[in-house]
N, C-alpha and C. Protein backbone atom coordinates (compact mmCIF):
# COMPACT_ATOMS: atom_id res chain seq x y z
N UNK A 1 -1.31 -44.93 26.08
CA UNK A 1 -0.52 -46.03 25.68
C UNK A 1 0.77 -45.39 25.03
N UNK A 2 1.90 -45.90 25.37
CA UNK A 2 3.12 -45.35 24.76
C UNK A 2 3.34 -46.12 23.42
N UNK A 3 4.20 -45.36 22.62
CA UNK A 3 4.45 -45.94 21.36
C UNK A 3 5.14 -47.42 21.50
N UNK A 4 6.05 -47.46 22.46
CA UNK A 4 6.77 -48.74 22.69
C UNK A 4 5.85 -49.84 23.33
N UNK A 5 4.89 -49.45 24.01
CA UNK A 5 3.87 -50.36 24.43
C UNK A 5 3.07 -51.02 23.39
N UNK A 6 2.60 -50.15 22.45
CA UNK A 6 1.72 -50.45 21.19
C UNK A 6 2.69 -51.37 20.42
N UNK A 7 3.85 -51.13 20.15
CA UNK A 7 4.64 -51.90 19.42
C UNK A 7 4.97 -53.37 20.01
N UNK A 8 5.29 -53.34 21.24
CA UNK A 8 5.35 -54.62 21.99
C UNK A 8 4.16 -55.46 21.89
N UNK A 9 3.00 -54.84 22.32
CA UNK A 9 1.63 -55.59 22.36
C UNK A 9 1.35 -56.02 20.85
N UNK A 10 1.66 -55.28 19.87
CA UNK A 10 1.21 -55.52 18.46
C UNK A 10 2.10 -56.81 18.09
N UNK A 11 3.34 -56.74 18.37
CA UNK A 11 4.21 -57.92 18.05
C UNK A 11 3.79 -59.14 18.74
N UNK A 12 3.37 -59.10 20.05
CA UNK A 12 2.98 -60.26 20.76
C UNK A 12 1.63 -60.90 20.12
N UNK A 13 0.69 -60.04 19.67
CA UNK A 13 -0.50 -60.44 18.98
C UNK A 13 -0.14 -61.04 17.57
N UNK A 14 0.80 -60.53 16.92
CA UNK A 14 1.15 -61.01 15.59
C UNK A 14 1.79 -62.41 15.74
N UNK A 15 2.66 -62.56 16.78
CA UNK A 15 3.18 -63.87 17.15
C UNK A 15 2.02 -64.79 17.49
N UNK A 16 0.95 -64.49 18.27
CA UNK A 16 0.01 -65.33 18.74
C UNK A 16 -0.91 -65.67 17.46
N UNK A 17 -1.01 -64.80 16.51
CA UNK A 17 -1.79 -65.01 15.24
C UNK A 17 -0.90 -66.10 14.40
N UNK A 18 0.33 -66.02 14.42
CA UNK A 18 1.22 -66.99 13.74
C UNK A 18 0.93 -68.34 14.28
N UNK A 19 0.91 -68.47 15.65
CA UNK A 19 0.70 -69.73 16.45
C UNK A 19 -0.71 -70.19 16.11
N UNK A 20 -1.73 -69.32 16.01
CA UNK A 20 -3.20 -69.86 15.73
C UNK A 20 -3.17 -70.49 14.30
N UNK A 21 -2.39 -69.90 13.44
CA UNK A 21 -2.39 -70.41 12.02
C UNK A 21 -1.80 -71.84 12.14
N UNK A 22 -0.78 -72.04 12.93
CA UNK A 22 -0.12 -73.46 13.00
C UNK A 22 -0.87 -74.36 13.85
N UNK A 23 -1.55 -73.93 15.00
CA UNK A 23 -2.39 -74.82 15.72
C UNK A 23 -3.79 -74.12 15.96
N UNK A 24 -4.68 -74.21 15.03
CA UNK A 24 -5.87 -73.53 15.10
C UNK A 24 -6.84 -73.96 16.33
N UNK A 25 -7.41 -73.10 16.94
CA UNK A 25 -8.41 -73.30 18.07
C UNK A 25 -9.36 -72.21 18.04
N UNK A 26 -10.74 -72.62 17.84
CA UNK A 26 -11.65 -71.52 17.76
C UNK A 26 -11.81 -70.66 19.03
N UNK A 27 -11.73 -71.34 20.21
CA UNK A 27 -11.80 -70.67 21.46
C UNK A 27 -10.68 -69.67 21.62
N UNK A 28 -9.36 -70.22 21.26
CA UNK A 28 -8.16 -69.34 21.29
C UNK A 28 -8.22 -68.11 20.39
N UNK A 29 -8.97 -68.48 19.13
CA UNK A 29 -9.10 -67.33 18.05
C UNK A 29 -10.06 -66.26 18.59
N UNK A 30 -11.21 -66.68 19.30
CA UNK A 30 -12.08 -65.73 19.78
C UNK A 30 -11.48 -64.72 20.90
N UNK A 31 -10.68 -65.29 21.75
CA UNK A 31 -9.95 -64.51 22.70
C UNK A 31 -8.88 -63.62 22.16
N UNK A 32 -8.17 -64.08 21.15
CA UNK A 32 -7.11 -63.27 20.48
C UNK A 32 -7.80 -62.22 19.60
N UNK A 33 -8.95 -62.52 19.00
CA UNK A 33 -9.64 -61.49 18.25
C UNK A 33 -10.16 -60.29 19.19
N UNK A 34 -10.60 -60.67 20.34
CA UNK A 34 -11.00 -59.56 21.23
C UNK A 34 -9.85 -58.77 21.83
N UNK A 35 -8.65 -59.46 22.05
CA UNK A 35 -7.54 -58.65 22.49
C UNK A 35 -7.00 -57.82 21.42
N UNK A 36 -6.90 -58.36 20.29
CA UNK A 36 -6.50 -57.43 19.07
C UNK A 36 -7.37 -56.30 18.66
N UNK A 37 -8.73 -56.64 18.80
CA UNK A 37 -9.77 -55.63 18.57
C UNK A 37 -9.50 -54.40 19.70
N UNK A 38 -9.37 -54.82 20.91
CA UNK A 38 -9.20 -53.85 22.04
C UNK A 38 -7.90 -53.01 21.71
N UNK A 39 -6.78 -53.61 21.33
CA UNK A 39 -5.53 -52.96 21.10
C UNK A 39 -5.78 -52.05 19.92
N UNK A 40 -6.27 -52.41 18.75
CA UNK A 40 -6.47 -51.54 17.61
C UNK A 40 -7.39 -50.36 17.89
N UNK A 41 -8.43 -50.67 18.65
CA UNK A 41 -9.42 -49.53 18.91
C UNK A 41 -8.78 -48.50 20.00
N UNK A 42 -7.81 -48.99 20.87
CA UNK A 42 -7.14 -48.05 21.84
C UNK A 42 -6.26 -47.18 21.03
N UNK A 43 -5.49 -47.86 20.09
CA UNK A 43 -4.46 -47.04 19.36
C UNK A 43 -5.02 -46.28 18.15
N UNK A 44 -6.05 -46.78 17.41
CA UNK A 44 -6.52 -46.01 16.28
C UNK A 44 -7.87 -45.62 16.31
N UNK A 45 -8.62 -45.99 17.36
CA UNK A 45 -10.16 -45.57 17.47
C UNK A 45 -10.98 -46.71 16.89
N UNK A 46 -12.21 -46.74 17.27
CA UNK A 46 -12.93 -47.81 16.86
C UNK A 46 -13.34 -47.70 15.33
N UNK A 47 -13.64 -48.89 14.65
CA UNK A 47 -13.93 -48.97 13.27
C UNK A 47 -15.51 -49.17 13.07
N UNK A 48 -15.99 -48.39 12.18
CA UNK A 48 -17.38 -48.74 11.89
C UNK A 48 -17.53 -50.04 11.04
N UNK A 49 -18.96 -50.45 10.67
CA UNK A 49 -18.95 -51.65 10.00
C UNK A 49 -18.41 -51.55 8.51
N UNK A 50 -18.35 -50.38 8.07
CA UNK A 50 -17.71 -50.21 6.68
C UNK A 50 -16.43 -50.63 6.64
N UNK A 51 -15.55 -50.13 7.54
CA UNK A 51 -14.12 -50.35 7.71
C UNK A 51 -13.88 -51.75 7.84
N UNK A 52 -14.77 -52.42 8.72
CA UNK A 52 -14.49 -53.88 9.04
C UNK A 52 -14.92 -54.69 7.79
N UNK A 53 -15.86 -54.34 7.07
CA UNK A 53 -16.33 -55.03 5.89
C UNK A 53 -15.29 -54.89 4.82
N UNK A 54 -14.57 -53.72 4.82
CA UNK A 54 -13.60 -53.57 3.80
C UNK A 54 -12.33 -54.34 4.04
N UNK A 55 -12.01 -54.40 5.32
CA UNK A 55 -10.89 -55.29 5.72
C UNK A 55 -11.24 -56.82 5.51
N UNK A 56 -12.57 -57.10 5.55
CA UNK A 56 -12.91 -58.57 5.42
C UNK A 56 -12.43 -59.43 6.52
N UNK A 57 -12.13 -58.89 7.66
CA UNK A 57 -11.71 -59.59 8.73
C UNK A 57 -12.78 -60.37 9.33
N UNK A 58 -12.56 -61.68 9.54
CA UNK A 58 -13.59 -62.59 10.06
C UNK A 58 -14.75 -62.96 9.17
N UNK A 59 -14.53 -62.68 7.82
CA UNK A 59 -15.46 -63.05 6.81
C UNK A 59 -14.89 -64.06 5.95
N UNK A 60 -14.68 -65.34 6.19
CA UNK A 60 -13.97 -66.29 5.44
C UNK A 60 -14.81 -66.54 3.99
N UNK A 61 -14.09 -66.91 3.01
CA UNK A 61 -14.66 -67.12 1.65
C UNK A 61 -15.71 -68.24 1.73
N UNK A 62 -15.26 -69.39 2.29
CA UNK A 62 -16.20 -70.53 2.37
C UNK A 62 -16.98 -70.62 3.53
N UNK A 63 -17.74 -69.63 3.84
CA UNK A 63 -18.46 -69.85 5.27
C UNK A 63 -19.61 -70.87 5.21
N UNK A 64 -19.64 -71.52 6.40
CA UNK A 64 -20.51 -72.54 6.66
C UNK A 64 -21.73 -72.06 7.49
N UNK A 65 -23.07 -72.31 6.77
CA UNK A 65 -24.28 -71.88 7.41
C UNK A 65 -25.19 -73.00 7.63
N UNK A 66 -25.96 -72.80 8.63
CA UNK A 66 -26.92 -73.82 8.86
C UNK A 66 -26.62 -75.16 9.52
N UNK A 67 -25.42 -75.31 9.73
CA UNK A 67 -24.95 -76.52 10.43
C UNK A 67 -23.62 -76.23 11.11
N UNK A 68 -23.20 -77.14 12.03
CA UNK A 68 -21.97 -76.91 12.88
C UNK A 68 -20.82 -77.13 11.84
N UNK A 69 -19.71 -76.45 12.12
CA UNK A 69 -18.51 -76.79 11.16
C UNK A 69 -17.82 -78.17 11.53
N UNK A 70 -17.24 -78.81 10.59
CA UNK A 70 -16.49 -79.94 10.84
C UNK A 70 -15.24 -79.50 11.35
N UNK A 71 -14.39 -80.38 11.82
CA UNK A 71 -13.05 -80.06 12.54
C UNK A 71 -12.20 -79.39 11.38
N UNK A 72 -12.29 -79.93 10.29
CA UNK A 72 -11.28 -79.35 9.16
C UNK A 72 -11.87 -77.98 8.78
N UNK A 73 -13.21 -77.90 8.64
CA UNK A 73 -13.72 -76.54 8.33
C UNK A 73 -13.40 -75.54 9.44
N UNK A 74 -13.54 -76.05 10.68
CA UNK A 74 -13.20 -75.03 11.76
C UNK A 74 -11.66 -74.54 11.70
N UNK A 75 -10.74 -75.49 11.55
CA UNK A 75 -9.36 -75.28 11.41
C UNK A 75 -9.06 -74.34 10.28
N UNK A 76 -9.77 -74.56 9.12
CA UNK A 76 -9.50 -73.69 7.95
C UNK A 76 -10.01 -72.19 8.19
N UNK A 77 -11.23 -72.20 8.95
CA UNK A 77 -11.81 -70.85 9.32
C UNK A 77 -10.89 -70.05 10.25
N UNK A 78 -10.31 -70.74 11.16
CA UNK A 78 -9.47 -70.20 12.31
C UNK A 78 -8.24 -69.68 11.57
N UNK A 79 -7.68 -70.51 10.65
CA UNK A 79 -6.54 -70.08 9.92
C UNK A 79 -6.72 -68.78 9.12
N UNK A 80 -7.68 -68.83 8.34
CA UNK A 80 -8.05 -67.79 7.44
C UNK A 80 -8.33 -66.44 8.25
N UNK A 81 -9.12 -66.51 9.20
CA UNK A 81 -9.42 -65.26 10.05
C UNK A 81 -8.10 -64.76 10.72
N UNK A 82 -7.48 -65.72 11.28
CA UNK A 82 -6.09 -65.37 11.84
C UNK A 82 -5.09 -64.76 10.90
N UNK A 83 -5.07 -65.25 9.63
CA UNK A 83 -4.22 -64.74 8.59
C UNK A 83 -4.61 -63.24 8.38
N UNK A 84 -5.91 -63.03 8.21
CA UNK A 84 -6.49 -61.70 7.87
C UNK A 84 -6.13 -60.79 9.00
N UNK A 85 -6.52 -61.08 10.28
CA UNK A 85 -6.27 -60.25 11.34
C UNK A 85 -4.79 -59.97 11.53
N UNK A 86 -3.92 -60.92 11.39
CA UNK A 86 -2.56 -60.78 11.53
C UNK A 86 -1.97 -59.75 10.51
N UNK A 87 -2.58 -59.73 9.17
CA UNK A 87 -2.19 -58.74 8.29
C UNK A 87 -2.60 -57.42 8.56
N UNK A 88 -3.74 -57.23 9.36
CA UNK A 88 -4.02 -55.85 9.84
C UNK A 88 -3.12 -55.45 10.92
N UNK A 89 -2.86 -56.36 11.73
CA UNK A 89 -1.82 -56.07 12.89
C UNK A 89 -0.46 -55.70 12.33
N UNK A 90 -0.04 -56.32 11.20
CA UNK A 90 1.25 -55.97 10.65
C UNK A 90 1.17 -54.60 10.10
N UNK A 91 0.05 -54.26 9.37
CA UNK A 91 -0.17 -52.98 8.94
C UNK A 91 -0.02 -51.83 9.86
N UNK A 92 -0.61 -52.19 11.12
CA UNK A 92 -0.65 -51.24 12.14
C UNK A 92 0.77 -51.12 12.78
N UNK A 93 1.56 -52.31 12.91
CA UNK A 93 2.79 -52.24 13.35
C UNK A 93 3.76 -51.47 12.48
N UNK A 94 3.59 -51.53 11.08
CA UNK A 94 4.42 -50.85 10.22
C UNK A 94 4.10 -49.29 10.34
N UNK A 95 2.85 -48.91 10.52
CA UNK A 95 2.50 -47.59 10.61
C UNK A 95 3.13 -46.87 11.78
N UNK A 96 3.08 -47.61 12.91
CA UNK A 96 3.70 -47.09 14.11
C UNK A 96 5.08 -47.14 14.13
N UNK A 97 5.69 -48.29 13.95
CA UNK A 97 7.27 -48.53 14.03
C UNK A 97 7.96 -47.83 12.82
N UNK A 98 7.62 -48.16 11.67
CA UNK A 98 8.50 -47.72 10.55
C UNK A 98 8.12 -46.36 10.08
N UNK A 99 6.85 -46.04 9.96
CA UNK A 99 6.34 -44.86 9.52
C UNK A 99 6.26 -43.62 10.55
N UNK A 100 6.23 -44.14 11.79
CA UNK A 100 6.13 -43.10 12.87
C UNK A 100 4.85 -42.37 12.96
N UNK A 101 3.74 -42.96 12.56
CA UNK A 101 2.45 -42.28 12.53
C UNK A 101 2.04 -42.11 13.84
N UNK A 102 1.46 -40.92 14.16
CA UNK A 102 0.87 -40.66 15.42
C UNK A 102 -0.55 -41.43 15.53
N UNK A 103 -0.89 -41.88 16.70
CA UNK A 103 -2.13 -42.71 16.87
C UNK A 103 -2.93 -42.18 17.97
N UNK A 104 -4.18 -42.46 17.91
CA UNK A 104 -5.22 -41.92 18.96
C UNK A 104 -4.87 -41.96 20.30
N UNK A 105 -4.53 -43.12 20.91
CA UNK A 105 -4.11 -43.32 22.25
C UNK A 105 -2.72 -43.10 22.69
N UNK A 106 -1.93 -42.26 21.83
CA UNK A 106 -0.51 -42.27 22.04
C UNK A 106 -0.22 -41.26 23.30
N UNK A 107 0.64 -41.77 24.26
CA UNK A 107 1.06 -41.10 25.43
C UNK A 107 2.58 -40.94 25.51
N UNK A 108 3.37 -41.43 24.66
CA UNK A 108 4.70 -41.32 24.70
C UNK A 108 5.31 -42.61 23.92
N UNK A 109 6.71 -42.51 23.97
CA UNK A 109 7.54 -43.54 23.26
C UNK A 109 8.31 -42.90 22.22
N UNK A 110 9.33 -43.66 21.55
CA UNK A 110 10.09 -42.99 20.66
C UNK A 110 9.57 -43.26 19.18
N UNK A 111 9.65 -42.21 18.35
CA UNK A 111 9.38 -42.43 16.92
C UNK A 111 10.61 -42.86 16.30
N UNK A 112 10.54 -43.57 15.07
CA UNK A 112 11.71 -43.85 14.25
C UNK A 112 12.51 -42.54 14.11
N UNK A 113 13.87 -42.54 14.16
CA UNK A 113 14.64 -41.40 13.91
C UNK A 113 14.89 -40.76 15.12
N UNK A 114 14.13 -40.87 16.22
CA UNK A 114 14.17 -40.13 17.51
C UNK A 114 15.25 -40.69 18.46
N UNK A 115 15.97 -41.83 18.00
CA UNK A 115 16.91 -42.38 18.87
C UNK A 115 18.01 -41.36 19.27
N UNK A 116 18.42 -40.56 18.29
CA UNK A 116 19.41 -39.50 18.65
C UNK A 116 18.97 -38.51 19.62
N UNK A 117 17.62 -38.23 19.60
CA UNK A 117 17.07 -37.24 20.50
C UNK A 117 16.48 -37.80 21.85
N UNK A 118 16.69 -39.13 21.93
CA UNK A 118 16.11 -39.80 23.18
C UNK A 118 16.67 -39.33 24.48
N UNK A 119 18.15 -39.00 24.56
CA UNK A 119 18.52 -38.55 25.83
C UNK A 119 18.34 -36.98 26.06
N UNK A 120 17.64 -36.30 25.10
CA UNK A 120 17.52 -34.85 25.27
C UNK A 120 16.36 -34.73 26.24
N UNK A 121 16.15 -33.44 26.53
CA UNK A 121 15.16 -33.10 27.58
C UNK A 121 13.70 -33.43 27.07
N UNK A 122 12.87 -33.95 27.87
CA UNK A 122 11.51 -34.26 27.31
C UNK A 122 10.73 -33.18 26.78
N UNK A 123 11.11 -32.01 27.13
CA UNK A 123 10.26 -30.94 26.51
C UNK A 123 10.82 -30.51 25.15
N UNK A 124 11.87 -31.18 24.53
CA UNK A 124 12.33 -30.87 23.22
C UNK A 124 11.16 -31.07 22.30
N UNK A 125 11.28 -30.31 21.11
CA UNK A 125 10.21 -30.31 20.21
C UNK A 125 10.56 -30.72 18.80
N UNK A 126 9.69 -31.23 17.91
CA UNK A 126 9.93 -31.61 16.61
C UNK A 126 8.73 -31.07 15.79
N UNK A 127 8.98 -30.30 14.84
CA UNK A 127 7.92 -29.72 14.10
C UNK A 127 6.95 -28.85 14.97
N UNK A 128 7.54 -28.11 15.96
CA UNK A 128 6.83 -27.23 16.83
C UNK A 128 5.84 -27.81 17.64
N UNK A 129 5.93 -29.31 17.84
CA UNK A 129 4.93 -29.92 18.72
C UNK A 129 5.84 -30.87 19.60
N UNK A 130 5.49 -31.17 20.83
CA UNK A 130 6.36 -31.96 21.76
C UNK A 130 6.51 -33.34 21.22
N UNK A 131 7.73 -33.99 21.62
CA UNK A 131 7.93 -35.17 20.99
C UNK A 131 6.95 -36.19 21.49
N UNK A 132 6.56 -37.24 20.73
CA UNK A 132 5.61 -38.31 21.17
C UNK A 132 4.23 -37.80 21.32
N UNK A 133 3.86 -36.70 20.80
CA UNK A 133 2.49 -36.21 20.71
C UNK A 133 1.89 -36.27 19.31
N UNK A 134 0.66 -36.47 19.31
CA UNK A 134 -0.09 -36.67 18.12
C UNK A 134 -0.19 -35.11 17.40
N UNK A 135 -0.36 -35.00 16.21
CA UNK A 135 -0.45 -33.60 15.65
C UNK A 135 -1.81 -33.05 15.94
N UNK A 136 -2.02 -31.75 15.58
CA UNK A 136 -3.28 -31.12 16.02
C UNK A 136 -4.51 -31.94 15.53
N UNK A 137 -5.69 -31.48 15.93
CA UNK A 137 -6.98 -32.23 15.61
C UNK A 137 -7.10 -32.50 14.03
N UNK A 138 -6.73 -31.61 13.23
CA UNK A 138 -6.89 -31.68 11.90
C UNK A 138 -5.86 -32.75 11.21
N UNK A 139 -4.85 -32.99 11.98
CA UNK A 139 -3.72 -33.90 11.67
C UNK A 139 -2.87 -33.27 10.51
N UNK A 140 -2.91 -32.01 10.53
CA UNK A 140 -2.04 -31.35 9.50
C UNK A 140 -0.75 -30.76 10.00
N UNK A 141 0.43 -31.00 9.42
CA UNK A 141 1.62 -30.29 9.97
C UNK A 141 1.41 -28.71 9.85
N UNK A 142 2.20 -28.15 10.57
CA UNK A 142 2.08 -26.61 10.44
C UNK A 142 2.87 -26.25 9.13
N UNK A 143 2.17 -25.45 8.36
CA UNK A 143 2.75 -25.07 7.03
C UNK A 143 2.20 -23.64 6.65
N UNK A 144 3.14 -22.73 6.68
CA UNK A 144 2.69 -21.27 6.41
C UNK A 144 1.93 -21.05 5.09
N UNK A 145 2.29 -21.95 4.08
CA UNK A 145 1.67 -21.70 2.69
C UNK A 145 0.30 -22.42 2.41
N UNK A 146 -0.11 -23.20 3.58
CA UNK A 146 -1.28 -24.01 3.21
C UNK A 146 -2.41 -23.22 3.17
N UNK A 147 -2.60 -22.26 4.02
CA UNK A 147 -3.82 -21.43 3.94
C UNK A 147 -3.98 -20.79 2.49
N UNK A 148 -2.86 -20.38 2.05
CA UNK A 148 -2.98 -19.69 0.63
C UNK A 148 -3.31 -20.78 -0.35
N UNK A 149 -2.62 -22.09 -0.37
CA UNK A 149 -3.05 -23.05 -1.41
C UNK A 149 -4.47 -23.43 -1.19
N UNK A 150 -4.97 -23.48 0.12
CA UNK A 150 -6.36 -23.87 0.22
C UNK A 150 -7.30 -22.98 -0.34
N UNK A 151 -6.98 -21.58 -0.02
CA UNK A 151 -7.77 -20.56 -0.74
C UNK A 151 -7.71 -20.63 -2.12
N UNK A 152 -6.63 -20.79 -2.79
CA UNK A 152 -6.64 -21.03 -4.17
C UNK A 152 -7.42 -22.23 -4.74
N UNK A 153 -7.37 -23.24 -3.98
CA UNK A 153 -8.20 -24.41 -4.37
C UNK A 153 -9.70 -24.19 -4.32
N UNK A 154 -10.03 -23.52 -3.16
CA UNK A 154 -11.59 -23.08 -3.10
C UNK A 154 -11.88 -22.18 -4.25
N UNK A 155 -11.06 -21.16 -4.64
CA UNK A 155 -11.45 -20.31 -5.79
C UNK A 155 -11.60 -21.01 -7.04
N UNK A 156 -10.69 -22.03 -7.25
CA UNK A 156 -10.80 -22.84 -8.38
C UNK A 156 -12.10 -23.64 -8.42
N UNK A 157 -12.47 -24.23 -7.29
CA UNK A 157 -13.66 -25.09 -7.20
C UNK A 157 -14.89 -24.25 -7.38
N UNK A 158 -14.81 -23.01 -6.92
CA UNK A 158 -16.00 -22.08 -7.12
C UNK A 158 -16.30 -21.75 -8.60
N UNK A 159 -15.33 -21.80 -9.48
CA UNK A 159 -15.49 -21.65 -10.85
C UNK A 159 -16.31 -22.88 -11.48
N UNK A 160 -16.47 -23.94 -10.80
CA UNK A 160 -17.11 -25.05 -11.40
C UNK A 160 -18.35 -25.37 -10.60
N UNK A 161 -19.01 -24.39 -9.87
CA UNK A 161 -20.22 -24.64 -9.17
C UNK A 161 -21.43 -24.98 -10.07
N UNK A 162 -21.52 -24.59 -11.22
CA UNK A 162 -22.48 -24.75 -12.16
C UNK A 162 -22.55 -26.07 -12.99
N UNK A 163 -21.49 -26.88 -12.64
CA UNK A 163 -21.27 -28.17 -13.35
C UNK A 163 -22.52 -29.13 -13.10
N UNK A 164 -23.21 -29.08 -11.95
CA UNK A 164 -24.37 -29.95 -11.66
C UNK A 164 -25.66 -29.37 -12.21
N UNK A 165 -25.60 -28.25 -12.79
CA UNK A 165 -26.86 -27.53 -13.36
C UNK A 165 -27.20 -28.26 -14.68
N UNK A 166 -28.56 -28.37 -14.95
CA UNK A 166 -28.99 -28.96 -16.20
C UNK A 166 -28.38 -28.06 -17.35
N UNK A 167 -27.85 -28.81 -18.39
CA UNK A 167 -27.34 -28.07 -19.59
C UNK A 167 -28.27 -27.70 -20.75
N UNK A 168 -29.24 -28.63 -20.78
CA UNK A 168 -30.27 -28.39 -21.81
C UNK A 168 -31.61 -28.72 -21.31
N UNK A 169 -32.67 -28.03 -21.89
CA UNK A 169 -33.97 -28.36 -21.38
C UNK A 169 -34.29 -29.75 -21.57
N UNK A 170 -35.10 -30.25 -20.75
CA UNK A 170 -35.45 -31.73 -20.69
C UNK A 170 -36.90 -31.67 -21.26
N UNK A 171 -37.21 -32.64 -22.11
CA UNK A 171 -38.49 -32.75 -22.72
C UNK A 171 -39.45 -33.19 -21.52
N UNK A 172 -40.71 -32.97 -21.63
CA UNK A 172 -41.70 -33.21 -20.54
C UNK A 172 -41.73 -34.74 -20.36
N UNK A 173 -41.62 -35.53 -21.46
CA UNK A 173 -41.78 -36.97 -21.23
C UNK A 173 -40.60 -37.67 -20.48
N UNK A 174 -39.51 -36.86 -20.44
CA UNK A 174 -38.31 -37.45 -19.67
C UNK A 174 -38.35 -36.97 -18.25
N UNK A 175 -39.30 -36.08 -17.84
CA UNK A 175 -39.55 -35.65 -16.50
C UNK A 175 -40.49 -36.46 -15.70
N UNK A 176 -40.07 -37.64 -15.36
CA UNK A 176 -41.07 -38.63 -14.73
C UNK A 176 -40.77 -38.70 -13.30
């Protein structure tokens, strides 16, 4: 997926989320959620339950259990879920469009600030990697001093290895 495709598809989904908030429909919400989940997982990778719970997407505050929702409750549910997911889509759009963050499914497209380089040869590089390519697996930029700083941080951490050791003998009655 190119950066431009991701930006375009995300904008379309944000527009659809805004429409859903204006004219709520549970069936439309379910289709929209599937499309947005597919787009986000293609771009950023799949999220585990922890991340989804942290985002609270699809978990309205006043959830109805044990009975069908009334029309007003269903509309409120659709609006709330659409608002939450649209916010996640806006964060994704900001990360890709304004911040120029690399993403998992990236295959091309222009980063912010690359407009001046757009007409250059496709083999041109920025930060010693090809344009429109995600950074190395670790996601760290090339930095000659990084290894030295990392070694220093490890040396300092080694000085504190004994911090989890017991500091005073424990009485037998506390050893249960």
